[in-house]
Amino acid sequence: MDYKAFFTEVADWIIQANHMATNHGMDSDVFWKWVMDSTAAICEKYGNNQLVLNQMVMLFYWLEGFYAESVRGKGS
């Protein structure tokens, strides 16, 4: 597996996630559909390698946690 290519793609994905969140909002179906579709595509691209799966799951939880914090902040 080309780890350098994968982690470059992860960095690009994070930038794209920021753009999607800015353009559509983290509370939108469009954003979360993009997250699910794009993470699945990356996992499949790298043959569902365990490192890739773990990294993408971690990024999903990172976004989910960030979203939960923002929702809690709005409720204050």
Protein backbone atom coordinates (compact mmCIF):
# COMPACT_ATOMS: atom_id res chain seq x y z
CA MET A 1 0.00 0.00 0.00
CA ASP A 2 1.20 3.49 -0.81
CA TYR A 3 0.97 5.07 2.66
CA LYS A 4 2.16 8.46 1.45
CA ALA A 5 -0.61 8.59 -1.16
CA PHE A 6 -3.19 7.47 1.38
CA PHE A 7 -2.27 10.06 4.00
CA THR A 8 -2.12 12.76 1.32
CA GLU A 9 -5.64 11.74 0.36
CA VAL A 10 -6.68 11.90 4.03
CA ALA A 11 -5.34 15.46 4.30
CA ASP A 12 -7.21 16.41 1.12
CA TRP A 13 -10.37 14.75 2.47
CA ILE A 14 -10.19 16.85 5.65
CA ILE A 15 -9.96 20.02 3.56
CA GLN A 16 -12.93 18.85 1.47
CA ALA A 17 -14.88 18.06 4.66
CA ASN A 18 -14.27 21.60 5.88
CA HIS A 19 -15.54 22.98 2.56
CA MET A 20 -18.61 20.74 2.64
CA ALA A 21 -19.37 21.78 6.22
CA THR A 22 -18.99 25.46 5.31
CA ASN A 23 -21.09 25.19 2.16
CA HIS A 24 -23.85 22.87 3.41
CA GLY A 25 -23.65 22.94 7.20
CA MET A 26 -22.79 20.01 9.42
CA ASP A 27 -26.45 19.57 10.21
CA SER A 28 -27.35 18.86 6.58
CA ASP A 29 -28.09 15.52 4.98
CA VAL A 30 -25.91 16.57 2.05
CA PHE A 31 -22.87 16.88 4.33
CA TRP A 32 -23.33 13.53 6.09
CA LYS A 33 -24.12 11.71 2.82
CA TRP A 34 -20.89 13.10 1.40
CA VAL A 35 -19.00 11.94 4.51
CA MET A 36 -20.37 8.42 4.23
CA ASP A 37 -19.94 8.13 0.46
CA SER A 38 -16.43 9.59 0.43
CA THR A 39 -15.17 7.51 3.35
CA ALA A 40 -16.56 4.36 1.74
CA ALA A 41 -14.89 5.25 -1.57
CA ILE A 42 -11.51 5.75 0.10
CA CYS A 43 -11.81 2.49 2.02
CA GLU A 44 -12.70 0.61 -1.15
CA LYS A 45 -9.91 2.30 -3.12
CA TYR A 46 -7.37 0.88 -0.67
CA GLY A 47 -8.93 -2.58 -0.55
CA ASN A 48 -10.52 -2.06 2.87
CA ASN A 49 -7.07 -2.22 4.44
CA GLN A 50 -7.45 -2.26 8.24
CA LEU A 51 -5.34 0.90 8.69
CA VAL A 52 -7.51 2.71 6.15
CA LEU A 53 -10.73 1.53 7.78
CA ASN A 54 -9.53 2.58 11.23
CA GLN A 55 -8.35 5.97 9.99
CA MET A 56 -11.62 6.74 8.22
CA VAL A 57 -13.71 5.59 11.19
CA MET A 58 -11.60 7.82 13.43
CA LEU A 59 -12.21 10.77 11.10
CA PHE A 60 -15.95 10.07 11.14
CA TYR A 61 -15.96 10.09 14.94
CA TRP A 62 -13.88 13.27 14.91
CA LEU A 63 -16.48 15.01 12.74
CA GLU A 64 -19.31 13.58 14.82
CA GLY A 65 -17.68 14.87 18.01
CA PHE A 66 -17.09 18.28 16.50
CA TYR A 67 -20.73 18.42 15.42
CA ALA A 68 -21.95 17.33 18.88
CA GLU A 69 -19.86 20.06 20.52
CA SER A 70 -21.27 22.68 18.17
CA VAL A 71 -24.83 21.57 18.95
CA ARG A 72 -24.12 21.73 22.68
CA GLY A 73 -22.64 25.20 22.21
CA LYS A 74 -25.80 26.42 20.49
CA GLY A 75 -27.92 25.17 23.37
CA SER A 76 -26.08 27.29 25.93
